[in-house]
Amino acid sequence: MLEHGTWLAAFLVGLFGGVHCAGMCGGIVTALSLGTRTPAGTTPWPLLFSYNLGRIASYTLAGALAGGAGWFAARLVDVHLAQQGLQVLAALFMIALGLYLAGWWAGLAKVEQAGGVLWRRIEPLGRRLMPVRTPAQALALGGLWGWLPCGLVYSVLIWSLSAGGVVQGALLMLAFGLGTLPNLLLMGVMAARLGAWLRQRWVRYLAGGFVAGFGLLMLWQVVAG
């Protein structure tokens, strides 16, 4: 069973990962937000919330699948060894993610490119939902958007493999998705200002250092355990 501290850690990884969201998803959020403003020029909050609800739902589903796959794999071999192996893999991906967020190493970009194979099949479906006029359309579009190739998401999905089961994997990705929510909601209403702030070098270093440090802590816990 996942501890509350693990959910908090996943939330914080999503929150600090906002430096990546600014570059990866900021343009999408801005385009959707500007393209659906009301005649009075106000922000369409129901649509923005629906986009993000759909996105987080996709993350949660992916986490459930990853958690289930990890649980099944652990039953094929020694459970303890399998769990340790998955935890080491998750820790290494988290360290790689931290280096990626800080701009010190771009290895995860290769993982994102691999995910593009699936995205090329999904992305045309999103075009059919544009322009977005209703929360239902926004929810569906967000559900598709959740499968956008992203090293940040993939790293937490690898972590979900070691979560211990379907429910645990889903909760881990749900906590992560909620962590990404503040940045992406703000990106929809103040994209230029927030995007410029998140792209500052010291912000990237702080976020990357936090995530890489967390990965090192995960690795130490496995070795020490």
Protein backbone atom coordinates (compact mmCIF):
# COMPACT_ATOMS: atom_id res chain seq x y z
CA MET A 1 0.00 0.00 0.00
CA LEU A 2 1.34 3.41 -0.94
CA GLU A 3 2.18 5.73 1.90
CA HIS A 4 0.83 9.28 1.94
CA GLY A 5 4.40 10.54 1.66
CA THR A 6 4.69 8.82 -1.72
CA TRP A 7 1.58 10.59 -2.99
CA LEU A 8 2.98 13.89 -1.78
CA ALA A 9 6.28 13.16 -3.52
CA ALA A 10 4.45 12.39 -6.77
CA PHE A 11 2.47 15.63 -6.40
CA LEU A 12 5.69 17.60 -5.89
CA VAL A 13 7.33 15.97 -8.91
CA GLY A 14 4.35 17.11 -10.98
CA LEU A 15 4.52 20.59 -9.49
CA PHE A 16 8.27 21.01 -10.01
CA GLY A 17 7.93 19.47 -13.43
CA GLY A 18 6.11 22.65 -14.45
CA VAL A 19 9.37 23.87 -15.97
CA HIS A 20 8.95 21.11 -18.54
CA CYS A 21 5.22 21.65 -18.94
CA ALA A 22 5.87 25.27 -19.90
CA GLY A 23 7.82 24.16 -22.94
CA MET A 24 6.01 20.91 -23.73
CA CYS A 25 2.37 21.83 -23.12
CA GLY A 26 2.43 25.60 -22.67
CA GLY A 27 1.86 26.27 -26.34
CA ILE A 28 -1.06 23.86 -26.43
CA VAL A 29 -2.69 25.36 -23.35
CA THR A 30 -2.23 28.90 -24.66
CA ALA A 31 -3.70 28.04 -28.05
CA LEU A 32 -6.69 26.31 -26.48
CA SER A 33 -7.25 29.13 -24.02
CA LEU A 34 -6.97 31.94 -26.55
CA GLY A 35 -9.02 30.03 -29.06
CA THR A 36 -11.95 29.61 -26.66
CA ARG A 37 -12.16 32.96 -24.90
CA THR A 38 -15.61 34.36 -24.38
CA PRO A 39 -16.79 37.44 -26.30
CA ALA A 40 -16.02 39.54 -23.24
CA GLY A 41 -12.41 38.28 -23.27
CA THR A 42 -12.68 36.37 -19.99
CA THR A 43 -10.99 33.03 -19.42
CA PRO A 44 -13.24 29.99 -20.11
CA TRP A 45 -12.64 28.26 -16.76
CA PRO A 46 -15.11 25.38 -17.35
CA LEU A 47 -13.24 24.46 -20.53
CA LEU A 48 -9.80 24.78 -18.93
CA PHE A 49 -10.85 22.60 -16.01
CA SER A 50 -12.36 20.06 -18.43
CA TYR A 51 -9.16 19.89 -20.50
CA ASN A 52 -7.15 19.16 -17.39
CA LEU A 53 -9.67 16.71 -15.96
CA GLY A 54 -9.43 14.69 -19.15
CA ARG A 55 -5.63 14.87 -19.11
CA ILE A 56 -5.37 13.74 -15.48
CA ALA A 57 -7.89 10.95 -16.13
CA SER A 58 -5.60 9.64 -18.88
CA TYR A 59 -2.63 9.78 -16.51
CA THR A 60 -4.61 7.86 -13.90
CA LEU A 61 -5.60 5.19 -16.42
CA ALA A 62 -2.00 4.86 -17.59
CA GLY A 63 -0.89 4.56 -13.95
CA ALA A 64 -3.42 1.78 -13.35
CA LEU A 65 -2.12 -0.11 -16.40
CA ALA A 66 1.51 0.37 -15.33
CA GLY A 67 0.79 -0.61 -11.73
CA GLY A 68 -1.00 -3.74 -12.90
CA ALA A 69 1.82 -4.64 -15.29
CA GLY A 70 4.36 -4.23 -12.50
CA TRP A 71 2.30 -6.37 -10.14
CA PHE A 72 1.99 -9.11 -12.77
CA ALA A 73 5.71 -9.01 -13.58
CA ALA A 74 6.53 -9.34 -9.89
CA ARG A 75 4.50 -12.56 -9.75
CA LEU A 76 6.52 -14.14 -12.55
CA VAL A 77 9.78 -13.97 -10.61
CA ASP A 78 10.82 -13.51 -6.99
CA VAL A 79 8.53 -10.73 -5.72
CA HIS A 80 11.17 -9.03 -3.59
CA LEU A 81 13.78 -9.02 -6.35
CA ALA A 82 11.24 -7.78 -8.90
CA GLN A 83 10.12 -4.94 -6.64
CA GLN A 84 13.72 -3.94 -6.00
CA GLY A 85 14.52 -4.01 -9.71
CA LEU A 86 11.49 -1.86 -10.57
CA GLN A 87 12.33 0.59 -7.79
CA VAL A 88 15.92 0.94 -9.02
CA LEU A 89 14.63 1.53 -12.57
CA ALA A 90 12.19 4.15 -11.27
CA ALA A 91 14.95 5.88 -9.30
CA LEU A 92 17.25 5.99 -12.34
CA PHE A 93 14.48 7.46 -14.48
CA MET A 94 13.77 10.06 -11.80
CA ILE A 95 17.44 11.07 -11.73
CA ALA A 96 17.44 11.27 -15.53
CA LEU A 97 14.29 13.40 -15.35
CA GLY A 98 15.91 15.81 -12.91
CA LEU A 99 18.90 16.21 -15.22
CA TYR A 100 16.50 16.73 -18.13
CA LEU A 101 14.45 19.37 -16.32
CA ALA A 102 17.61 21.27 -15.36
CA GLY A 103 18.91 21.12 -18.92
CA TRP A 104 22.02 19.13 -17.91
CA TRP A 105 21.25 16.00 -19.96
CA ALA A 106 18.66 15.46 -22.71
CA GLY A 107 18.60 11.68 -22.77
CA LEU A 108 14.86 11.53 -22.02
CA ALA A 109 14.19 13.33 -25.29
CA LYS A 110 14.88 9.96 -26.97
CA VAL A 111 12.13 8.41 -24.87
CA GLU A 112 9.73 11.17 -25.92
CA GLN A 113 10.58 10.52 -29.56
CA ALA A 114 9.74 6.84 -29.10
CA GLY A 115 6.35 7.82 -27.68
CA GLY A 116 5.66 9.79 -30.84
CA VAL A 117 4.71 6.56 -32.61
CA LEU A 118 1.52 6.29 -30.51
CA TRP A 119 0.90 10.03 -30.57
CA ARG A 120 0.85 10.14 -34.39
CA ARG A 121 -2.15 7.82 -34.27
CA ILE A 122 -3.97 9.74 -31.54
CA GLU A 123 -3.29 13.35 -32.56
CA PRO A 124 -5.60 13.35 -35.64
CA LEU A 125 -8.53 12.47 -33.35
CA GLY A 126 -7.92 15.68 -31.42
CA ARG A 127 -8.24 17.79 -34.55
CA ARG A 128 -11.81 16.61 -34.97
CA LEU A 129 -12.69 18.16 -31.61
CA MET A 130 -11.48 21.62 -32.62
CA PRO A 131 -12.63 24.28 -32.17
CA VAL A 132 -13.70 23.47 -28.62
CA ARG A 133 -17.02 24.96 -27.61
CA THR A 134 -18.33 22.72 -24.80
CA PRO A 135 -16.88 21.14 -21.64
CA ALA A 136 -17.58 17.69 -23.11
CA GLN A 137 -15.39 18.49 -26.12
CA ALA A 138 -12.71 19.88 -23.82
CA LEU A 139 -12.84 16.76 -21.63
CA ALA A 140 -12.39 14.49 -24.65
CA LEU A 141 -9.57 16.61 -26.02
CA GLY A 142 -7.84 16.60 -22.63
CA GLY A 143 -8.16 12.81 -22.52
CA LEU A 144 -6.29 12.60 -25.83
CA TRP A 145 -3.80 15.27 -24.80
CA GLY A 146 -2.85 13.12 -21.80
CA TRP A 147 -1.09 10.71 -24.19
CA LEU A 148 1.21 13.39 -25.60
CA PRO A 149 4.82 12.07 -25.55
CA CYS A 150 6.41 13.49 -22.40
CA GLY A 151 9.55 12.42 -20.55
CA LEU A 152 8.09 13.80 -17.32
CA VAL A 153 5.01 11.58 -17.58
CA TYR A 154 6.99 8.56 -18.70
CA SER A 155 9.34 8.84 -15.73
CA VAL A 156 6.46 8.78 -13.25
CA LEU A 157 4.85 5.92 -15.18
CA ILE A 158 8.04 3.89 -14.66
CA TRP A 159 7.68 4.73 -10.96
CA SER A 160 4.08 3.44 -11.14
CA LEU A 161 5.40 0.05 -12.25
CA SER A 162 6.84 -0.40 -8.76
CA ALA A 163 3.76 0.94 -6.96
CA GLY A 164 2.46 -2.53 -6.14
CA GLY A 165 -0.80 -2.85 -8.05
CA VAL A 166 -3.50 -1.30 -10.21
CA VAL A 167 -4.98 0.98 -7.54
CA GLN A 168 -1.58 2.08 -6.24
CA GLY A 169 -0.35 2.90 -9.75
CA ALA A 170 -3.51 4.86 -10.50
CA LEU A 171 -3.25 6.85 -7.25
CA LEU A 172 0.41 7.64 -7.90
CA MET A 173 -0.35 9.05 -11.35
CA LEU A 174 -3.40 10.86 -10.02
CA ALA A 175 -1.26 12.62 -7.40
CA PHE A 176 1.28 13.49 -10.09
CA GLY A 177 -1.44 14.82 -12.39
CA LEU A 178 -2.85 17.02 -9.65
CA GLY A 179 0.66 18.37 -9.12
CA THR A 180 0.81 19.50 -12.75
CA LEU A 181 -2.58 21.20 -12.51
CA PRO A 182 -1.61 24.58 -10.95
CA ASN A 183 1.05 25.33 -13.57
CA LEU A 184 -1.12 24.39 -16.52
CA LEU A 185 -4.17 26.27 -15.24
CA LEU A 186 -2.05 29.38 -14.73
CA MET A 187 -0.50 28.85 -18.15
CA GLY A 188 -3.97 29.20 -19.62
CA VAL A 189 -4.51 32.66 -18.16
CA MET A 190 -1.03 34.19 -17.95
CA ALA A 191 1.02 32.16 -20.40
CA ALA A 192 3.63 34.74 -21.37
CA ARG A 193 4.47 35.81 -17.81
CA LEU A 194 4.46 32.35 -16.26
CA GLY A 195 6.27 30.78 -19.20
CA ALA A 196 9.07 33.34 -19.01
CA TRP A 197 9.45 32.77 -15.27
CA LEU A 198 9.54 28.97 -15.59
CA ARG A 199 12.18 29.18 -18.30
CA GLN A 200 14.62 31.04 -16.06
CA ARG A 201 17.80 29.06 -15.51
CA TRP A 202 17.68 29.11 -11.70
CA VAL A 203 14.10 27.83 -11.72
CA ARG A 204 15.07 24.95 -14.00
CA TYR A 205 18.08 24.16 -11.81
CA LEU A 206 15.96 24.20 -8.65
CA ALA A 207 13.27 21.96 -10.14
CA GLY A 208 15.76 19.58 -11.72
CA GLY A 209 17.84 19.40 -8.55
CA PHE A 210 14.76 18.55 -6.49
CA VAL A 211 13.65 15.75 -8.80
CA ALA A 212 17.17 14.32 -9.24
CA GLY A 213 17.68 14.47 -5.46
CA PHE A 214 14.43 12.61 -4.96
CA GLY A 215 15.63 9.96 -7.42
CA LEU A 216 18.87 9.59 -5.47
CA LEU A 217 16.86 9.21 -2.25
CA MET A 218 14.75 6.48 -3.88
CA LEU A 219 17.93 4.71 -4.97
CA TRP A 220 19.46 4.99 -1.49
CA GLN A 221 16.31 3.55 0.09
CA VAL A 222 16.51 0.50 -2.16
CA VAL A 223 20.22 -0.05 -1.47
CA ALA A 224 19.87 0.57 2.26
CA GLY A 225 16.80 -1.65 2.48
